[in-house]
């Protein structure tokens, strides 16, 4: 099992935040060699597929890191 480096984890957090704030985004990142690229992933679009534009990087899926509409509704219900 591959463990995320701090750089990967921070990038995934940043990408998840961008996906939450911009539901129209399907990807996040740069297309420069060596850069990370996050793709919205999963049946509920609540996961991130992390790619790095480098030959020696294995793609990684981070499940359920993007808040969904049902998550937001559940949070609102718990607040009231």
C-alpha atoms as a PDB file:
ATOM      1  CA  UNK A   1       0.000   0.000   0.000  1.00  0.00           C
ATOM      2  CA  UNK A   2       1.316   3.413  -0.960  1.00  0.00           C
ATOM      3  CA  UNK A   3       1.281   6.140   1.701  1.00  0.00           C
ATOM      4  CA  UNK A   4       0.717   9.728   0.638  1.00  0.00           C
ATOM      5  CA  UNK A   5       3.580  12.131   1.087  1.00  0.00           C
ATOM      6  CA  UNK A   6       2.848  15.448   2.766  1.00  0.00           C
ATOM      7  CA  UNK A   7       2.996  17.178  -0.633  1.00  0.00           C
ATOM      8  CA  UNK A   8       0.438  14.733  -2.046  1.00  0.00           C
ATOM      9  CA  UNK A   9      -1.865  15.039   0.962  1.00  0.00           C
ATOM     10  CA  UNK A  10      -1.744  18.848   0.886  1.00  0.00           C
ATOM     11  CA  UNK A  11      -2.413  18.891  -2.851  1.00  0.00           C
ATOM     12  CA  UNK A  12      -5.403  16.527  -2.423  1.00  0.00           C
ATOM     13  CA  UNK A  13      -6.806  18.779   0.351  1.00  0.00           C
ATOM     14  CA  UNK A  14      -6.396  21.817  -1.908  1.00  0.00           C
ATOM     15  CA  UNK A  15      -7.998  20.011  -4.854  1.00  0.00           C
ATOM     16  CA  UNK A  16     -10.934  18.773  -2.724  1.00  0.00           C
ATOM     17  CA  UNK A  17     -11.504  22.345  -1.513  1.00  0.00           C
ATOM     18  CA  UNK A  18     -11.478  23.611  -5.115  1.00  0.00           C
ATOM     19  CA  UNK A  19     -13.898  20.850  -6.180  1.00  0.00           C
ATOM     20  CA  UNK A  20     -16.217  21.748  -3.263  1.00  0.00           C
ATOM     21  CA  UNK A  21     -16.172  25.434  -4.149  1.00  0.00           C
ATOM     22  CA  UNK A  22     -16.504  24.842  -7.905  1.00  0.00           C
ATOM     23  CA  UNK A  23     -18.796  21.869  -8.645  1.00  0.00           C
ATOM     24  CA  UNK A  24     -18.239  22.469 -12.359  1.00  0.00           C
ATOM     25  CA  UNK A  25     -14.520  21.551 -12.063  1.00  0.00           C
ATOM     26  CA  UNK A  26     -13.593  18.055 -13.258  1.00  0.00           C
ATOM     27  CA  UNK A  27      -9.847  18.575 -12.933  1.00  0.00           C
ATOM     28  CA  UNK A  28      -7.479  20.668 -10.857  1.00  0.00           C
ATOM     29  CA  UNK A  29      -3.766  21.313 -11.267  1.00  0.00           C
ATOM     30  CA  UNK A  30      -1.110  22.132 -13.810  1.00  0.00           C
ATOM     31  CA  UNK A  31      -0.029  20.378 -16.965  1.00  0.00           C
ATOM     32  CA  UNK A  32       3.678  20.972 -16.383  1.00  0.00           C
ATOM     33  CA  UNK A  33       6.028  17.986 -16.156  1.00  0.00           C
ATOM     34  CA  UNK A  34       6.392  16.906 -12.527  1.00  0.00           C
ATOM     35  CA  UNK A  35       3.133  18.616 -11.457  1.00  0.00           C
ATOM     36  CA  UNK A  36       0.171  16.980  -9.740  1.00  0.00           C
ATOM     37  CA  UNK A  37      -3.172  16.742 -11.500  1.00  0.00           C
ATOM     38  CA  UNK A  38      -6.365  15.856  -9.625  1.00  0.00           C
ATOM     39  CA  UNK A  39      -9.417  14.434 -11.396  1.00  0.00           C
ATOM     40  CA  UNK A  40     -12.874  14.300  -9.818  1.00  0.00           C
ATOM     41  CA  UNK A  41     -13.626  10.587  -9.427  1.00  0.00           C
ATOM     42  CA  UNK A  42     -16.163   8.075  -8.137  1.00  0.00           C
ATOM     43  CA  UNK A  43     -19.856   7.346  -8.531  1.00  0.00           C
ATOM     44  CA  UNK A  44     -20.813  10.320  -6.362  1.00  0.00           C
ATOM     45  CA  UNK A  45     -17.984  12.527  -7.666  1.00  0.00           C
ATOM     46  CA  UNK A  46     -16.681  12.573  -4.080  1.00  0.00           C
ATOM     47  CA  UNK A  47     -13.237  11.107  -4.687  1.00  0.00           C
ATOM     48  CA  UNK A  48     -10.012  12.360  -6.238  1.00  0.00           C
ATOM     49  CA  UNK A  49      -7.755  10.481  -8.635  1.00  0.00           C
ATOM     50  CA  UNK A  50      -4.291  11.935  -8.121  1.00  0.00           C
ATOM     51  CA  UNK A  51      -1.866  11.862 -11.023  1.00  0.00           C
ATOM     52  CA  UNK A  52       1.624  13.267 -11.274  1.00  0.00           C
ATOM     53  CA  UNK A  53       2.950  14.070 -14.682  1.00  0.00           C
ATOM     54  CA  UNK A  54       6.076  11.982 -14.208  1.00  0.00           C
ATOM     55  CA  UNK A  55       7.158   8.547 -15.417  1.00  0.00           C
ATOM     56  CA  UNK A  56       7.794   7.144 -11.933  1.00  0.00           C
ATOM     57  CA  UNK A  57       4.456   8.033 -10.268  1.00  0.00           C
ATOM     58  CA  UNK A  58       1.602   5.587  -9.661  1.00  0.00           C
ATOM     59  CA  UNK A  59      -1.915   7.111  -9.708  1.00  0.00           C
ATOM     60  CA  UNK A  60      -3.660   7.187  -6.329  1.00  0.00           C
ATOM     61  CA  UNK A  61      -7.395   7.369  -5.558  1.00  0.00           C
ATOM     62  CA  UNK A  62      -8.500   9.262  -2.449  1.00  0.00           C
ATOM     63  CA  UNK A  63     -12.050   8.133  -1.645  1.00  0.00           C
ATOM     64  CA  UNK A  64     -14.771  10.446  -0.349  1.00  0.00           C
ATOM     65  CA  UNK A  65     -12.644  13.572   0.111  1.00  0.00           C
ATOM     66  CA  UNK A  66     -15.108  15.861  -1.697  1.00  0.00           C
ATOM     67  CA  UNK A  67     -18.269  16.861   0.133  1.00  0.00           C
ATOM     68  CA  UNK A  68     -21.428  15.853  -1.712  1.00  0.00           C
ATOM     69  CA  UNK A  69     -24.858  17.430  -1.627  1.00  0.00           C
ATOM     70  CA  UNK A  70     -26.054  14.708   0.759  1.00  0.00           C
ATOM     71  CA  UNK A  71     -23.140  15.562   3.093  1.00  0.00           C
ATOM     72  CA  UNK A  72     -24.191  19.209   3.065  1.00  0.00           C
ATOM     73  CA  UNK A  73     -27.843  18.339   3.751  1.00  0.00           C
ATOM     74  CA  UNK A  74     -26.832  16.018   6.601  1.00  0.00           C
ATOM     75  CA  UNK A  75     -24.699  18.798   8.136  1.00  0.00           C
ATOM     76  CA  UNK A  76     -27.567  21.295   7.869  1.00  0.00           C
ATOM     77  CA  UNK A  77     -29.957  18.825   9.512  1.00  0.00           C
ATOM     78  CA  UNK A  78     -27.502  18.247  12.388  1.00  0.00           C
ATOM     79  CA  UNK A  79     -27.135  22.013  12.933  1.00  0.00           C
ATOM     80  CA  UNK A  80     -30.870  22.503  13.461  1.00  0.00           C
END
